[in-house]
N, C-alpha and C. Protein backbone atom coordinates (compact mmCIF):
# COMPACT_ATOMS: atom_id res chain seq x y z
N MET A 1 10.51 11.65 5.79
CA MET A 1 10.73 10.39 5.11
C MET A 1 9.83 10.28 3.88
N LEU A 2 8.53 10.17 4.12
CA LEU A 2 7.61 10.03 3.00
C LEU A 2 7.46 11.32 2.21
N GLN A 3 7.60 12.47 2.92
CA GLN A 3 7.50 13.75 2.21
C GLN A 3 8.58 13.85 1.14
N GLU A 4 9.76 13.32 1.44
CA GLU A 4 10.86 13.34 0.47
C GLU A 4 10.52 12.55 -0.79
N LEU A 5 9.64 11.57 -0.64
CA LEU A 5 9.20 10.76 -1.77
C LEU A 5 7.96 11.33 -2.44
N GLY A 6 7.38 12.37 -1.82
CA GLY A 6 6.16 12.97 -2.35
C GLY A 6 4.93 12.13 -2.09
N LEU A 7 4.95 11.36 -0.99
CA LEU A 7 3.85 10.44 -0.68
C LEU A 7 3.24 10.73 0.67
N THR A 8 1.96 10.42 0.79
CA THR A 8 1.31 10.38 2.09
C THR A 8 1.43 8.94 2.60
N TYR A 9 1.14 8.73 3.88
CA TYR A 9 1.23 7.38 4.42
C TYR A 9 0.25 6.42 3.73
N PRO A 10 -1.03 6.81 3.53
CA PRO A 10 -1.93 5.89 2.81
C PRO A 10 -1.45 5.57 1.39
N GLN A 11 -0.89 6.55 0.69
CA GLN A 11 -0.36 6.28 -0.65
C GLN A 11 0.80 5.29 -0.57
N TYR A 12 1.65 5.45 0.43
CA TYR A 12 2.77 4.54 0.63
C TYR A 12 2.26 3.11 0.86
N LEU A 13 1.20 2.97 1.66
CA LEU A 13 0.64 1.64 1.92
C LEU A 13 0.12 1.00 0.64
N VAL A 14 -0.55 1.78 -0.20
CA VAL A 14 -1.04 1.25 -1.48
C VAL A 14 0.14 0.79 -2.33
N LEU A 15 1.18 1.60 -2.40
CA LEU A 15 2.35 1.22 -3.19
C LEU A 15 3.03 -0.03 -2.63
N LEU A 16 3.10 -0.15 -1.31
CA LEU A 16 3.67 -1.36 -0.72
C LEU A 16 2.94 -2.60 -1.22
N LEU A 17 1.62 -2.54 -1.24
CA LEU A 17 0.84 -3.68 -1.73
C LEU A 17 1.08 -3.94 -3.21
N LEU A 18 1.14 -2.87 -3.99
CA LEU A 18 1.35 -3.04 -5.43
C LEU A 18 2.75 -3.55 -5.74
N TRP A 19 3.73 -3.18 -4.92
CA TRP A 19 5.08 -3.71 -5.13
C TRP A 19 5.11 -5.21 -4.89
N GLU A 20 4.20 -5.69 -4.08
CA GLU A 20 4.08 -7.13 -3.83
C GLU A 20 3.17 -7.81 -4.84
N ARG A 21 2.08 -7.11 -5.23
CA ARG A 21 1.06 -7.71 -6.11
C ARG A 21 0.60 -6.69 -7.16
N ASP A 22 1.47 -6.39 -8.09
CA ASP A 22 1.10 -5.46 -9.16
C ASP A 22 -0.10 -6.02 -9.92
N GLY A 23 -1.05 -5.15 -10.22
CA GLY A 23 -2.25 -5.57 -10.92
C GLY A 23 -3.39 -5.96 -9.99
N ALA A 24 -3.23 -5.72 -8.70
CA ALA A 24 -4.31 -6.00 -7.75
C ALA A 24 -5.53 -5.16 -8.12
N SER A 25 -6.69 -5.68 -7.80
CA SER A 25 -7.92 -4.93 -8.09
C SER A 25 -8.12 -3.85 -7.03
N VAL A 26 -8.92 -2.87 -7.39
CA VAL A 26 -9.26 -1.82 -6.43
C VAL A 26 -9.92 -2.44 -5.20
N ARG A 27 -10.77 -3.41 -5.44
CA ARG A 27 -11.45 -4.08 -4.33
C ARG A 27 -10.45 -4.78 -3.40
N GLU A 28 -9.48 -5.49 -3.98
CA GLU A 28 -8.46 -6.17 -3.18
C GLU A 28 -7.65 -5.18 -2.35
N LEU A 29 -7.29 -4.06 -2.96
CA LEU A 29 -6.54 -3.04 -2.23
C LEU A 29 -7.37 -2.52 -1.06
N GLY A 30 -8.64 -2.23 -1.32
CA GLY A 30 -9.52 -1.72 -0.27
C GLY A 30 -9.67 -2.70 0.88
N GLU A 31 -9.85 -3.97 0.54
CA GLU A 31 -10.01 -4.99 1.58
C GLU A 31 -8.73 -5.15 2.40
N GLU A 32 -7.61 -5.19 1.73
CA GLU A 32 -6.33 -5.39 2.41
C GLU A 32 -5.98 -4.22 3.33
N LEU A 33 -6.33 -3.01 2.89
CA LEU A 33 -5.99 -1.81 3.67
C LEU A 33 -7.14 -1.32 4.53
N ALA A 34 -8.27 -2.00 4.46
CA ALA A 34 -9.47 -1.60 5.21
C ALA A 34 -9.87 -0.16 4.87
N LEU A 35 -9.86 0.15 3.57
CA LEU A 35 -10.27 1.47 3.09
C LEU A 35 -11.51 1.32 2.22
N ASP A 36 -12.48 2.20 2.42
CA ASP A 36 -13.66 2.15 1.56
C ASP A 36 -13.37 2.86 0.25
N SER A 37 -14.27 2.69 -0.71
CA SER A 37 -14.02 3.26 -2.05
C SER A 37 -14.00 4.78 -2.02
N GLY A 38 -14.72 5.39 -1.08
CA GLY A 38 -14.71 6.85 -0.97
C GLY A 38 -13.36 7.40 -0.56
N THR A 39 -12.58 6.60 0.12
CA THR A 39 -11.22 7.00 0.51
C THR A 39 -10.20 6.54 -0.53
N LEU A 40 -10.37 5.32 -1.01
CA LEU A 40 -9.38 4.73 -1.91
C LEU A 40 -9.39 5.36 -3.30
N SER A 41 -10.56 5.65 -3.84
CA SER A 41 -10.63 6.19 -5.21
C SER A 41 -9.87 7.51 -5.37
N PRO A 42 -10.09 8.51 -4.49
CA PRO A 42 -9.31 9.74 -4.64
C PRO A 42 -7.81 9.53 -4.43
N LEU A 43 -7.47 8.61 -3.54
CA LEU A 43 -6.06 8.29 -3.29
C LEU A 43 -5.42 7.73 -4.56
N LEU A 44 -6.12 6.82 -5.23
CA LEU A 44 -5.60 6.24 -6.47
C LEU A 44 -5.52 7.28 -7.58
N LYS A 45 -6.49 8.18 -7.61
CA LYS A 45 -6.46 9.25 -8.62
C LYS A 45 -5.23 10.13 -8.44
N ARG A 46 -4.87 10.43 -7.19
CA ARG A 46 -3.68 11.23 -6.94
C ARG A 46 -2.40 10.48 -7.34
N LEU A 47 -2.35 9.19 -7.05
CA LEU A 47 -1.19 8.39 -7.46
C LEU A 47 -1.10 8.30 -8.98
N GLU A 48 -2.26 8.23 -9.63
CA GLU A 48 -2.28 8.19 -11.09
C GLU A 48 -1.83 9.54 -11.67
N ALA A 49 -2.30 10.63 -11.08
CA ALA A 49 -1.90 11.96 -11.54
C ALA A 49 -0.40 12.19 -11.35
N ALA A 50 0.17 11.55 -10.33
CA ALA A 50 1.61 11.67 -10.07
C ALA A 50 2.42 10.76 -10.99
N GLY A 51 1.73 9.94 -11.79
CA GLY A 51 2.42 9.06 -12.73
C GLY A 51 2.98 7.80 -12.11
N LEU A 52 2.47 7.41 -10.93
CA LEU A 52 3.00 6.24 -10.24
C LEU A 52 2.21 4.97 -10.50
N VAL A 53 0.92 5.11 -10.79
CA VAL A 53 0.07 3.95 -11.08
C VAL A 53 -0.83 4.28 -12.28
N ARG A 54 -1.40 3.22 -12.84
CA ARG A 54 -2.44 3.40 -13.85
C ARG A 54 -3.54 2.39 -13.54
N ARG A 55 -4.75 2.83 -13.75
CA ARG A 55 -5.91 1.95 -13.53
C ARG A 55 -6.44 1.52 -14.89
N GLN A 56 -6.83 0.25 -14.97
CA GLN A 56 -7.44 -0.22 -16.21
C GLN A 56 -8.42 -1.34 -15.90
N ARG A 57 -9.40 -1.46 -16.76
CA ARG A 57 -10.40 -2.52 -16.60
C ARG A 57 -9.76 -3.87 -16.89
N SER A 58 -10.19 -4.87 -16.15
CA SER A 58 -9.70 -6.23 -16.36
C SER A 58 -10.19 -6.74 -17.72
N VAL A 59 -9.34 -7.45 -18.43
CA VAL A 59 -9.77 -8.04 -19.70
C VAL A 59 -10.72 -9.20 -19.47
N ASP A 60 -10.64 -9.83 -18.30
CA ASP A 60 -11.50 -10.96 -17.97
C ASP A 60 -12.87 -10.53 -17.47
N ASP A 61 -12.93 -9.39 -16.80
CA ASP A 61 -14.18 -8.92 -16.19
C ASP A 61 -14.20 -7.40 -16.24
N GLU A 62 -15.00 -6.85 -17.12
CA GLU A 62 -15.05 -5.40 -17.33
C GLU A 62 -15.43 -4.64 -16.06
N ARG A 63 -16.09 -5.31 -15.11
CA ARG A 63 -16.49 -4.64 -13.87
C ARG A 63 -15.32 -4.45 -12.92
N ARG A 64 -14.28 -5.20 -13.13
CA ARG A 64 -13.13 -5.20 -12.22
C ARG A 64 -12.08 -4.19 -12.70
N MET A 65 -11.69 -3.30 -11.80
CA MET A 65 -10.66 -2.31 -12.11
C MET A 65 -9.36 -2.76 -11.46
N GLN A 66 -8.32 -2.88 -12.27
CA GLN A 66 -7.01 -3.29 -11.76
C GLN A 66 -6.08 -2.08 -11.70
N VAL A 67 -5.16 -2.13 -10.76
CA VAL A 67 -4.19 -1.05 -10.57
C VAL A 67 -2.80 -1.61 -10.85
N HIS A 68 -2.10 -0.94 -11.76
CA HIS A 68 -0.76 -1.37 -12.15
C HIS A 68 0.24 -0.26 -11.86
N LEU A 69 1.43 -0.65 -11.49
CA LEU A 69 2.51 0.32 -11.31
C LEU A 69 3.00 0.79 -12.67
N THR A 70 3.34 2.05 -12.77
CA THR A 70 4.05 2.55 -13.94
C THR A 70 5.54 2.30 -13.71
N ASP A 71 6.35 2.61 -14.70
CA ASP A 71 7.80 2.48 -14.52
C ASP A 71 8.28 3.37 -13.37
N ASP A 72 7.71 4.59 -13.29
CA ASP A 72 8.09 5.49 -12.19
C ASP A 72 7.67 4.93 -10.84
N GLY A 73 6.48 4.33 -10.78
CA GLY A 73 6.01 3.74 -9.53
C GLY A 73 6.87 2.57 -9.10
N ASP A 74 7.29 1.78 -10.07
CA ASP A 74 8.16 0.65 -9.76
C ASP A 74 9.54 1.13 -9.32
N ALA A 75 10.04 2.17 -9.97
CA ALA A 75 11.36 2.72 -9.63
C ALA A 75 11.38 3.34 -8.24
N LEU A 76 10.25 3.83 -7.79
CA LEU A 76 10.17 4.44 -6.46
C LEU A 76 10.43 3.43 -5.35
N ARG A 77 10.23 2.16 -5.66
CA ARG A 77 10.44 1.09 -4.68
C ARG A 77 11.83 1.16 -4.06
N GLU A 78 12.85 1.36 -4.88
CA GLU A 78 14.23 1.42 -4.36
C GLU A 78 14.40 2.58 -3.40
N ARG A 79 13.88 3.74 -3.77
CA ARG A 79 14.01 4.91 -2.90
C ARG A 79 13.23 4.73 -1.61
N ALA A 80 12.13 3.98 -1.65
CA ALA A 80 11.29 3.79 -0.47
C ALA A 80 11.76 2.63 0.41
N ALA A 81 12.74 1.88 -0.04
CA ALA A 81 13.19 0.70 0.70
C ALA A 81 13.69 1.04 2.10
N ALA A 82 14.20 2.23 2.30
CA ALA A 82 14.74 2.62 3.60
C ALA A 82 13.68 3.11 4.58
N VAL A 83 12.46 3.33 4.11
CA VAL A 83 11.43 3.91 4.97
C VAL A 83 11.14 3.07 6.21
N PRO A 84 10.93 1.75 6.11
CA PRO A 84 10.64 0.99 7.34
C PRO A 84 11.73 1.13 8.40
N GLN A 85 12.99 1.07 7.98
CA GLN A 85 14.08 1.22 8.95
C GLN A 85 14.10 2.62 9.54
N GLN A 86 13.84 3.63 8.72
CA GLN A 86 13.80 5.01 9.21
C GLN A 86 12.67 5.19 10.22
N LEU A 87 11.52 4.58 9.96
CA LEU A 87 10.40 4.66 10.90
C LEU A 87 10.75 3.98 12.22
N ALA A 88 11.39 2.82 12.13
CA ALA A 88 11.79 2.10 13.34
C ALA A 88 12.78 2.92 14.16
N GLU A 89 13.74 3.52 13.49
CA GLU A 89 14.73 4.35 14.19
C GLU A 89 14.06 5.56 14.83
N ALA A 90 13.13 6.17 14.12
CA ALA A 90 12.42 7.34 14.66
C ALA A 90 11.59 6.95 15.88
N ALA A 91 11.09 5.71 15.89
CA ALA A 91 10.30 5.23 17.02
C ALA A 91 11.17 4.66 18.13
N GLY A 92 12.47 4.56 17.89
CA GLY A 92 13.38 4.03 18.90
C GLY A 92 13.30 2.52 19.06
N LEU A 93 12.88 1.81 18.01
CA LEU A 93 12.75 0.35 18.07
C LEU A 93 14.00 -0.32 17.52
N GLU A 94 14.40 -1.41 18.17
CA GLU A 94 15.48 -2.23 17.66
C GLU A 94 14.89 -3.29 16.73
N SER A 95 15.74 -3.95 15.98
CA SER A 95 15.30 -4.92 14.98
C SER A 95 14.38 -5.99 15.56
N GLY A 96 14.76 -6.58 16.68
CA GLY A 96 13.93 -7.62 17.30
C GLY A 96 12.58 -7.10 17.75
N GLU A 97 12.58 -5.89 18.29
CA GLU A 97 11.33 -5.28 18.72
C GLU A 97 10.43 -5.00 17.52
N LEU A 98 11.02 -4.59 16.43
CA LEU A 98 10.26 -4.31 15.22
C LEU A 98 9.63 -5.60 14.68
N ASP A 99 10.39 -6.68 14.67
CA ASP A 99 9.86 -7.97 14.23
C ASP A 99 8.71 -8.42 15.12
N GLN A 100 8.86 -8.24 16.43
CA GLN A 100 7.81 -8.61 17.37
C GLN A 100 6.56 -7.76 17.13
N LEU A 101 6.74 -6.48 16.91
CA LEU A 101 5.61 -5.59 16.64
C LEU A 101 4.89 -6.00 15.37
N ARG A 102 5.64 -6.33 14.32
CA ARG A 102 5.03 -6.77 13.06
C ARG A 102 4.18 -8.02 13.29
N GLY A 103 4.72 -8.97 14.03
CA GLY A 103 3.97 -10.20 14.31
C GLY A 103 2.70 -9.93 15.08
N THR A 104 2.79 -9.07 16.08
CA THR A 104 1.62 -8.72 16.88
C THR A 104 0.57 -8.02 16.02
N LEU A 105 1.00 -7.08 15.20
CA LEU A 105 0.07 -6.36 14.33
C LEU A 105 -0.56 -7.28 13.30
N SER A 106 0.20 -8.22 12.80
CA SER A 106 -0.33 -9.19 11.83
C SER A 106 -1.42 -10.04 12.47
N ARG A 107 -1.17 -10.52 13.69
CA ARG A 107 -2.18 -11.32 14.39
C ARG A 107 -3.42 -10.49 14.71
N LEU A 108 -3.21 -9.25 15.12
CA LEU A 108 -4.33 -8.35 15.43
C LEU A 108 -5.17 -8.09 14.18
N THR A 109 -4.51 -7.82 13.07
CA THR A 109 -5.23 -7.57 11.82
C THR A 109 -6.03 -8.80 11.40
N ALA A 110 -5.44 -9.98 11.50
CA ALA A 110 -6.14 -11.21 11.14
C ALA A 110 -7.35 -11.42 12.04
N ALA A 111 -7.20 -11.17 13.32
CA ALA A 111 -8.32 -11.34 14.26
C ALA A 111 -9.44 -10.34 13.95
N LEU A 112 -9.08 -9.13 13.61
CA LEU A 112 -10.10 -8.12 13.28
C LEU A 112 -10.82 -8.47 11.99
N HIS A 113 -10.11 -9.04 11.01
CA HIS A 113 -10.76 -9.46 9.77
C HIS A 113 -11.76 -10.57 10.05
N VAL A 114 -11.38 -11.53 10.88
CA VAL A 114 -12.28 -12.63 11.23
C VAL A 114 -13.49 -12.09 11.98
N ALA A 115 -13.28 -11.17 12.91
CA ALA A 115 -14.38 -10.60 13.69
C ALA A 115 -15.34 -9.81 12.80
N ALA A 116 -14.83 -9.21 11.73
CA ALA A 116 -15.67 -8.41 10.84
C ALA A 116 -16.56 -9.28 9.97
N LEU A 117 -16.19 -10.54 9.79
CA LEU A 117 -16.99 -11.46 8.97
C LEU A 117 -18.15 -11.89 9.77
């Protein structure tokens, strides 16, 4: 699935976030995905080398690095749209079960974020 798109799972997760919030900061991506900068920076460099994203300093705050989709990165969204359904089918989950799993994972993630504070 992801190999056909030339992506690893962590790269796919970054792109999912950027498809929702293009221009997110590196810090926001790291917090949302629970990835430290030692993991996220090389991942972003590979996405940039593949021509899917570009990093640039914020005009408002030079310390803040923002990540933007390129045209190729944005176009990949259509090709990647089938991935969630393909993963569910590979796992043998039906639509209702998948929705239930998403809800459970969302609550678990929120609880873990609160516990980490």
